[in-house]
Amino acid sequence: MTPTVTTPIPDRSWTRHLMLAVALLLLLSSVAHGSLGLSTVRAALAQTAAPADVVEIVTFGWLLGSVAQLTFALIVLIAWRRARRGDGSGLEGASIVAAAYFLFGLGAFLATGFQPFYLMMFLVPACLLGWAVLAARPRSS
């Protein structure tokens, strides 16, 4: 059996609390996106008389977004769980999630004429998670 390699991190409880809060927000977002969001999109498509194959493609694309959000939440939860043990080996994954959320959120925020939804649901969580990850990284000596 291969020994587990850990990367020790400083004991900063606020970073772990912030990671958990963002993970829970991503988890709730994935549920809302997959249920409430999908029903709203399908109802709007029904009013346009979109062909069934278009509705199907949009539905599967929408669900992929929900699964991606769920996956991001699980990655951050794993990072949080490891950080609770003082292990920073999950921080790289959490930083990728923060970067992906930031880049998508910034693009959507700019493309939609600065709609605050993208600021609140993507940019703010991305910045908070990125801040927590940076603060949790071990200091080089």
N, C-alpha and C. Protein backbone atom coordinates (compact mmCIF):
# COMPACT_ATOMS: atom_id res chain seq x y z
N MET A 1 0.84 -1.18 0.00
CA MET A 1 0.00 0.00 0.00
C MET A 1 0.89 1.24 0.00
N THR A 2 0.55 2.21 -0.85
CA THR A 2 1.33 3.43 -0.99
C THR A 2 1.01 4.38 0.16
N PRO A 3 2.05 4.94 0.80
CA PRO A 3 1.77 5.89 1.89
C PRO A 3 1.16 7.17 1.34
N THR A 4 0.30 7.77 2.13
CA THR A 4 -0.35 9.02 1.75
C THR A 4 0.62 10.18 1.95
N VAL A 5 0.78 10.99 0.91
CA VAL A 5 1.65 12.15 0.99
C VAL A 5 0.81 13.36 1.34
N THR A 6 1.21 14.07 2.37
CA THR A 6 0.47 15.27 2.77
C THR A 6 1.37 16.49 2.62
N THR A 7 0.74 17.60 2.36
CA THR A 7 1.43 18.88 2.28
C THR A 7 0.96 19.70 3.47
N PRO A 8 1.81 19.87 4.50
CA PRO A 8 1.35 20.60 5.68
C PRO A 8 1.01 22.06 5.36
N ILE A 9 -0.05 22.55 5.97
CA ILE A 9 -0.47 23.93 5.77
C ILE A 9 -0.57 24.63 7.12
N PRO A 10 -0.51 25.96 7.12
CA PRO A 10 -0.66 26.70 8.39
C PRO A 10 -2.06 26.49 8.97
N ASP A 11 -2.14 26.57 10.28
CA ASP A 11 -3.44 26.40 10.95
C ASP A 11 -4.18 27.73 10.97
N ARG A 12 -4.99 27.94 9.96
CA ARG A 12 -5.82 29.14 9.87
C ARG A 12 -7.26 28.68 9.68
N SER A 13 -7.98 28.63 10.75
CA SER A 13 -9.34 28.06 10.69
C SER A 13 -10.25 28.84 9.76
N TRP A 14 -10.08 30.14 9.62
CA TRP A 14 -10.98 30.91 8.77
C TRP A 14 -10.88 30.46 7.32
N THR A 15 -9.70 29.99 6.90
CA THR A 15 -9.59 29.53 5.51
C THR A 15 -10.45 28.29 5.29
N ARG A 16 -10.47 27.42 6.27
CA ARG A 16 -11.28 26.20 6.16
C ARG A 16 -12.77 26.54 6.19
N HIS A 17 -13.16 27.47 7.05
CA HIS A 17 -14.57 27.87 7.13
C HIS A 17 -15.02 28.50 5.80
N LEU A 18 -14.15 29.30 5.22
CA LEU A 18 -14.48 29.94 3.95
C LEU A 18 -14.58 28.92 2.82
N MET A 19 -13.68 27.94 2.81
CA MET A 19 -13.76 26.88 1.80
C MET A 19 -15.06 26.10 1.94
N LEU A 20 -15.44 25.80 3.17
CA LEU A 20 -16.69 25.07 3.39
C LEU A 20 -17.89 25.90 2.94
N ALA A 21 -17.90 27.18 3.25
CA ALA A 21 -19.02 28.04 2.85
C ALA A 21 -19.15 28.09 1.32
N VAL A 22 -18.03 28.23 0.63
CA VAL A 22 -18.08 28.27 -0.83
C VAL A 22 -18.52 26.92 -1.38
N ALA A 23 -18.01 25.83 -0.81
CA ALA A 23 -18.42 24.49 -1.27
C ALA A 23 -19.92 24.30 -1.12
N LEU A 24 -20.48 24.73 0.00
CA LEU A 24 -21.92 24.59 0.22
C LEU A 24 -22.71 25.48 -0.74
N LEU A 25 -22.20 26.67 -1.03
CA LEU A 25 -22.85 27.54 -2.01
C LEU A 25 -22.85 26.89 -3.39
N LEU A 26 -21.74 26.28 -3.77
CA LEU A 26 -21.67 25.60 -5.07
C LEU A 26 -22.62 24.41 -5.10
N LEU A 27 -22.71 23.71 -4.00
CA LEU A 27 -23.62 22.57 -3.92
C LEU A 27 -25.07 23.01 -4.07
N LEU A 28 -25.45 24.05 -3.34
CA LEU A 28 -26.81 24.58 -3.45
C LEU A 28 -27.08 25.13 -4.85
N SER A 29 -26.08 25.77 -5.44
CA SER A 29 -26.24 26.30 -6.79
C SER A 29 -26.48 25.19 -7.80
N SER A 30 -25.78 24.08 -7.63
CA SER A 30 -25.97 22.97 -8.57
C SER A 30 -27.37 22.40 -8.49
N VAL A 31 -27.90 22.32 -7.28
CA VAL A 31 -29.27 21.81 -7.10
C VAL A 31 -30.28 22.79 -7.69
N ALA A 32 -30.11 24.07 -7.41
CA ALA A 32 -31.02 25.08 -7.95
C ALA A 32 -30.93 25.16 -9.46
N HIS A 33 -29.71 25.08 -9.99
CA HIS A 33 -29.51 25.13 -11.43
C HIS A 33 -30.21 23.96 -12.11
N GLY A 34 -30.05 22.77 -11.53
CA GLY A 34 -30.62 21.57 -12.14
C GLY A 34 -32.13 21.46 -12.01
N SER A 35 -32.70 22.06 -10.98
CA SER A 35 -34.15 21.92 -10.80
C SER A 35 -34.88 23.20 -11.21
N LEU A 36 -34.69 24.26 -10.48
CA LEU A 36 -35.40 25.50 -10.77
C LEU A 36 -35.00 26.10 -12.12
N GLY A 37 -33.71 26.15 -12.38
CA GLY A 37 -33.23 26.74 -13.62
C GLY A 37 -33.69 25.97 -14.84
N LEU A 38 -33.59 24.65 -14.78
CA LEU A 38 -33.98 23.84 -15.92
C LEU A 38 -35.46 23.97 -16.22
N SER A 39 -36.29 23.97 -15.20
CA SER A 39 -37.73 24.09 -15.46
C SER A 39 -38.07 25.45 -16.07
N THR A 40 -37.36 26.50 -15.66
CA THR A 40 -37.58 27.82 -16.24
C THR A 40 -37.16 27.86 -17.71
N VAL A 41 -36.01 27.27 -18.00
CA VAL A 41 -35.52 27.24 -19.39
C VAL A 41 -36.45 26.41 -20.27
N ARG A 42 -36.88 25.28 -19.78
CA ARG A 42 -37.78 24.43 -20.60
C ARG A 42 -39.12 25.12 -20.85
N ALA A 43 -39.63 25.82 -19.84
CA ALA A 43 -40.89 26.56 -20.03
C ALA A 43 -40.71 27.66 -21.07
N ALA A 44 -39.59 28.34 -21.04
CA ALA A 44 -39.32 29.39 -22.03
C ALA A 44 -39.18 28.80 -23.42
N LEU A 45 -38.53 27.66 -23.52
CA LEU A 45 -38.39 27.01 -24.82
C LEU A 45 -39.74 26.53 -25.36
N ALA A 46 -40.62 26.09 -24.48
CA ALA A 46 -41.95 25.63 -24.91
C ALA A 46 -42.74 26.78 -25.52
N GLN A 47 -42.54 27.99 -25.03
CA GLN A 47 -43.25 29.15 -25.57
C GLN A 47 -42.73 29.56 -26.95
N THR A 48 -41.52 29.12 -27.29
CA THR A 48 -40.96 29.47 -28.60
C THR A 48 -41.24 28.41 -29.65
N ALA A 49 -41.89 27.35 -29.26
CA ALA A 49 -42.18 26.22 -30.15
C ALA A 49 -40.89 25.64 -30.72
N ALA A 50 -39.87 25.55 -29.88
CA ALA A 50 -38.59 24.97 -30.30
C ALA A 50 -38.78 23.49 -30.60
N PRO A 51 -38.11 22.98 -31.62
CA PRO A 51 -38.20 21.55 -31.93
C PRO A 51 -37.73 20.69 -30.76
N ALA A 52 -38.27 19.49 -30.66
CA ALA A 52 -37.97 18.59 -29.55
C ALA A 52 -36.48 18.30 -29.44
N ASP A 53 -35.79 18.16 -30.57
CA ASP A 53 -34.35 17.86 -30.49
C ASP A 53 -33.56 19.05 -29.93
N VAL A 54 -34.00 20.27 -30.19
CA VAL A 54 -33.35 21.45 -29.63
C VAL A 54 -33.58 21.50 -28.12
N VAL A 55 -34.80 21.22 -27.70
CA VAL A 55 -35.10 21.20 -26.26
C VAL A 55 -34.25 20.13 -25.57
N GLU A 56 -34.11 18.99 -26.21
CA GLU A 56 -33.31 17.90 -25.64
C GLU A 56 -31.85 18.31 -25.51
N ILE A 57 -31.28 18.92 -26.54
CA ILE A 57 -29.88 19.33 -26.51
C ILE A 57 -29.66 20.39 -25.43
N VAL A 58 -30.55 21.37 -25.36
CA VAL A 58 -30.43 22.41 -24.34
C VAL A 58 -30.56 21.80 -22.94
N THR A 59 -31.48 20.86 -22.78
CA THR A 59 -31.68 20.19 -21.49
C THR A 59 -30.40 19.48 -21.05
N PHE A 60 -29.79 18.71 -21.95
CA PHE A 60 -28.58 17.99 -21.58
C PHE A 60 -27.41 18.94 -21.32
N GLY A 61 -27.31 20.01 -22.09
CA GLY A 61 -26.28 21.02 -21.85
C GLY A 61 -26.48 21.69 -20.50
N TRP A 62 -27.73 21.98 -20.19
CA TRP A 62 -28.05 22.62 -18.90
C TRP A 62 -27.69 21.68 -17.75
N LEU A 63 -28.05 20.42 -17.90
CA LEU A 63 -27.73 19.44 -16.86
C LEU A 63 -26.23 19.25 -16.70
N LEU A 64 -25.49 19.36 -17.81
CA LEU A 64 -24.03 19.28 -17.71
C LEU A 64 -23.50 20.42 -16.82
N GLY A 65 -24.08 21.60 -16.96
CA GLY A 65 -23.69 22.71 -16.09
C GLY A 65 -23.96 22.39 -14.63
N SER A 66 -25.08 21.76 -14.35
CA SER A 66 -25.41 21.37 -12.97
C SER A 66 -24.44 20.34 -12.44
N VAL A 67 -24.09 19.36 -13.27
CA VAL A 67 -23.13 18.33 -12.87
C VAL A 67 -21.75 18.95 -12.65
N ALA A 68 -21.37 19.91 -13.50
CA ALA A 68 -20.08 20.58 -13.33
C ALA A 68 -20.05 21.33 -11.99
N GLN A 69 -21.14 22.03 -11.67
CA GLN A 69 -21.20 22.74 -10.39
C GLN A 69 -21.11 21.75 -9.22
N LEU A 70 -21.79 20.63 -9.33
CA LEU A 70 -21.72 19.61 -8.29
C LEU A 70 -20.28 19.08 -8.15
N THR A 71 -19.64 18.84 -9.28
CA THR A 71 -18.26 18.35 -9.27
C THR A 71 -17.33 19.38 -8.62
N PHE A 72 -17.50 20.65 -8.97
CA PHE A 72 -16.69 21.70 -8.36
C PHE A 72 -16.91 21.72 -6.84
N ALA A 73 -18.16 21.58 -6.42
CA ALA A 73 -18.46 21.58 -4.98
C ALA A 73 -17.75 20.41 -4.29
N LEU A 74 -17.77 19.25 -4.92
CA LEU A 74 -17.12 18.08 -4.32
C LEU A 74 -15.61 18.25 -4.24
N ILE A 75 -15.01 18.86 -5.27
CA ILE A 75 -13.57 19.12 -5.24
C ILE A 75 -13.23 20.05 -4.08
N VAL A 76 -14.02 21.09 -3.89
CA VAL A 76 -13.76 22.03 -2.79
C VAL A 76 -14.02 21.36 -1.44
N LEU A 77 -15.04 20.51 -1.37
CA LEU A 77 -15.28 19.78 -0.11
C LEU A 77 -14.12 18.85 0.24
N ILE A 78 -13.55 18.21 -0.76
CA ILE A 78 -12.38 17.35 -0.51
C ILE A 78 -11.21 18.20 -0.02
N ALA A 79 -11.00 19.35 -0.66
CA ALA A 79 -9.92 20.24 -0.22
C ALA A 79 -10.16 20.70 1.22
N TRP A 80 -11.40 21.03 1.53
CA TRP A 80 -11.76 21.46 2.89
C TRP A 80 -11.48 20.34 3.89
N ARG A 81 -11.92 19.12 3.56
CA ARG A 81 -11.72 18.00 4.48
C ARG A 81 -10.23 17.75 4.73
N ARG A 82 -9.45 17.81 3.67
CA ARG A 82 -8.00 17.62 3.84
C ARG A 82 -7.39 18.77 4.65
N ALA A 83 -7.84 19.99 4.37
CA ALA A 83 -7.31 21.15 5.10
C ALA A 83 -7.63 21.06 6.58
N ARG A 84 -8.77 20.48 6.93
CA ARG A 84 -9.12 20.30 8.35
C ARG A 84 -8.09 19.44 9.07
N ARG A 85 -7.44 18.54 8.31
CA ARG A 85 -6.42 17.67 8.89
C ARG A 85 -5.02 18.29 8.77
N GLY A 86 -4.95 19.52 8.26
CA GLY A 86 -3.67 20.17 8.09
C GLY A 86 -2.95 19.79 6.82
N ASP A 87 -3.66 19.14 5.89
CA ASP A 87 -3.10 18.64 4.65
C ASP A 87 -3.52 19.56 3.50
N GLY A 88 -2.56 20.13 2.81
CA GLY A 88 -2.85 21.05 1.72
C GLY A 88 -2.90 20.39 0.35
N SER A 89 -2.96 19.07 0.30
CA SER A 89 -2.92 18.39 -1.00
C SER A 89 -4.15 18.63 -1.86
N GLY A 90 -5.22 19.17 -1.32
CA GLY A 90 -6.40 19.45 -2.12
C GLY A 90 -6.49 20.89 -2.59
N LEU A 91 -5.52 21.71 -2.21
CA LEU A 91 -5.59 23.12 -2.53
C LEU A 91 -5.46 23.40 -4.02
N GLU A 92 -4.71 22.57 -4.73
CA GLU A 92 -4.56 22.79 -6.17
C GLU A 92 -5.91 22.65 -6.87
N GLY A 93 -6.66 21.62 -6.52
CA GLY A 93 -7.98 21.43 -7.11
C GLY A 93 -8.91 22.59 -6.81
N ALA A 94 -8.88 23.06 -5.56
CA ALA A 94 -9.73 24.19 -5.18
C ALA A 94 -9.33 25.45 -5.92
N SER A 95 -8.04 25.62 -6.16
CA SER A 95 -7.60 26.82 -6.90
C SER A 95 -8.03 26.76 -8.36
N ILE A 96 -8.08 25.57 -8.93
CA ILE A 96 -8.58 25.42 -10.31
C ILE A 96 -10.07 25.77 -10.36
N VAL A 97 -10.82 25.33 -9.37
CA VAL A 97 -12.25 25.68 -9.30
C VAL A 97 -12.40 27.19 -9.19
N ALA A 98 -11.62 27.82 -8.32
CA ALA A 98 -11.70 29.28 -8.17
C ALA A 98 -11.39 29.98 -9.47
N ALA A 99 -10.35 29.52 -10.18
CA ALA A 99 -9.98 30.14 -11.45
C ALA A 99 -11.07 29.95 -12.50
N ALA A 100 -11.63 28.75 -12.59
CA ALA A 100 -12.68 28.48 -13.57
C ALA A 100 -13.92 29.34 -13.29
N TYR A 101 -14.31 29.42 -12.03
CA TYR A 101 -15.46 30.24 -11.67
C TYR A 101 -15.20 31.72 -11.95
N PHE A 102 -13.97 32.16 -11.68
CA PHE A 102 -13.63 33.56 -11.91
C PHE A 102 -13.67 33.88 -13.40
N LEU A 103 -13.02 33.05 -14.20
CA LEU A 103 -12.97 33.32 -15.65
C LEU A 103 -14.35 33.27 -16.28
N PHE A 104 -15.15 32.26 -15.92
CA PHE A 104 -16.50 32.18 -16.47
C PHE A 104 -17.32 33.38 -15.99
N GLY A 105 -17.27 33.65 -14.71
CA GLY A 105 -18.05 34.75 -14.15
C GLY A 105 -17.69 36.09 -14.75
N LEU A 106 -16.39 36.34 -14.94
CA LEU A 106 -15.96 37.60 -15.54
C LEU A 106 -16.46 37.71 -16.98
N GLY A 107 -16.31 36.62 -17.73
CA GLY A 107 -16.80 36.64 -19.12
C GLY A 107 -18.29 36.86 -19.19
N ALA A 108 -19.05 36.17 -18.36
CA ALA A 108 -20.51 36.33 -18.37
C ALA A 108 -20.92 37.71 -17.88
N PHE A 109 -20.22 38.21 -16.87
CA PHE A 109 -20.52 39.53 -16.32
C PHE A 109 -20.31 40.61 -17.39
N LEU A 110 -19.23 40.52 -18.13
CA LEU A 110 -18.95 41.49 -19.19
C LEU A 110 -19.89 41.31 -20.38
N ALA A 111 -20.13 40.06 -20.78
CA ALA A 111 -20.96 39.78 -21.95
C ALA A 111 -22.42 40.17 -21.75
N THR A 112 -22.89 40.17 -20.52
CA THR A 112 -24.30 40.47 -20.26
C THR A 112 -24.52 41.92 -19.84
N GLY A 113 -23.50 42.76 -20.02
CA GLY A 113 -23.66 44.15 -19.66
C GLY A 113 -23.66 44.37 -18.16
N PHE A 114 -22.83 43.63 -17.45
CA PHE A 114 -22.62 43.79 -16.00
C PHE A 114 -23.84 43.40 -15.16
N GLN A 115 -24.48 42.31 -15.52
CA GLN A 115 -25.59 41.82 -14.71
C GLN A 115 -25.05 41.34 -13.36
N PRO A 116 -25.62 41.83 -12.26
CA PRO A 116 -25.10 41.50 -10.93
C PRO A 116 -25.20 40.02 -10.57
N PHE A 117 -26.08 39.28 -11.23
CA PHE A 117 -26.20 37.85 -10.96
C PHE A 117 -24.84 37.16 -11.10
N TYR A 118 -24.12 37.46 -12.17
CA TYR A 118 -22.84 36.80 -12.42
C TYR A 118 -21.77 37.27 -11.44
N LEU A 119 -21.90 38.49 -11.01
CA LEU A 119 -20.99 39.00 -9.99
C LEU A 119 -21.17 38.22 -8.69
N MET A 120 -22.43 38.07 -8.26
CA MET A 120 -22.72 37.43 -6.98
C MET A 120 -22.55 35.91 -7.01
N MET A 121 -22.92 35.26 -8.11
CA MET A 121 -22.92 33.80 -8.14
C MET A 121 -21.61 33.19 -8.63
N PHE A 122 -20.77 33.99 -9.27
CA PHE A 122 -19.52 33.44 -9.79
C PHE A 122 -18.29 34.21 -9.31
N LEU A 123 -18.28 35.52 -9.50
CA LEU A 123 -17.07 36.28 -9.17
C LEU A 123 -16.81 36.36 -7.67
N VAL A 124 -17.83 36.63 -6.88
CA VAL A 124 -17.62 36.72 -5.43
C VAL A 124 -17.18 35.37 -4.84
N PRO A 125 -17.89 34.26 -5.13
CA PRO A 125 -17.40 32.98 -4.60
C PRO A 125 -16.00 32.62 -5.09
N ALA A 126 -15.70 32.93 -6.35
CA ALA A 126 -14.36 32.63 -6.89
C ALA A 126 -13.29 33.40 -6.13
N CYS A 127 -13.54 34.67 -5.88
CA CYS A 127 -12.56 35.49 -5.15
C CYS A 127 -12.41 35.02 -3.71
N LEU A 128 -13.51 34.68 -3.06
CA LEU A 128 -13.44 34.19 -1.68
C LEU A 128 -12.68 32.87 -1.60
N LEU A 129 -12.96 31.97 -2.53
CA LEU A 129 -12.27 30.68 -2.54
C LEU A 129 -10.79 30.88 -2.86
N GLY A 130 -10.50 31.71 -3.84
CA GLY A 130 -9.10 31.98 -4.18
C GLY A 130 -8.34 32.58 -3.01
N TRP A 131 -8.97 33.49 -2.29
CA TRP A 131 -8.37 34.11 -1.11
C TRP A 131 -8.09 33.05 -0.04
N ALA A 132 -9.06 32.18 0.21
CA ALA A 132 -8.88 31.14 1.22
C ALA A 132 -7.75 30.18 0.83
N VAL A 133 -7.69 29.82 -0.44
CA VAL A 133 -6.65 28.90 -0.90
C VAL A 133 -5.27 29.55 -0.77
N LEU A 134 -5.16 30.80 -1.20
CA LEU A 134 -3.87 31.50 -1.08
C LEU A 134 -3.42 31.61 0.37
N ALA A 135 -4.35 31.91 1.26
CA ALA A 135 -4.01 32.06 2.67
C ALA A 135 -3.67 30.72 3.32
N ALA A 136 -4.20 29.64 2.78
CA ALA A 136 -3.96 28.32 3.36
C ALA A 136 -2.66 27.69 2.86
N ARG A 137 -2.09 28.24 1.81
CA ARG A 137 -0.87 27.66 1.26
C ARG A 137 0.27 27.76 2.27
N PRO A 138 1.12 26.75 2.28
CA PRO A 138 2.28 26.81 3.18
C PRO A 138 3.23 27.93 2.75
N ARG A 139 3.80 28.57 3.72
CA ARG A 139 4.78 29.62 3.46
C ARG A 139 6.14 28.96 3.23
N SER A 140 6.80 29.35 2.16
CA SER A 140 8.13 28.80 1.93
C SER A 140 9.13 29.48 2.85
N SER A 141 10.10 28.71 3.30
CA SER A 141 11.04 29.29 4.27
C SER A 141 12.28 29.80 3.61
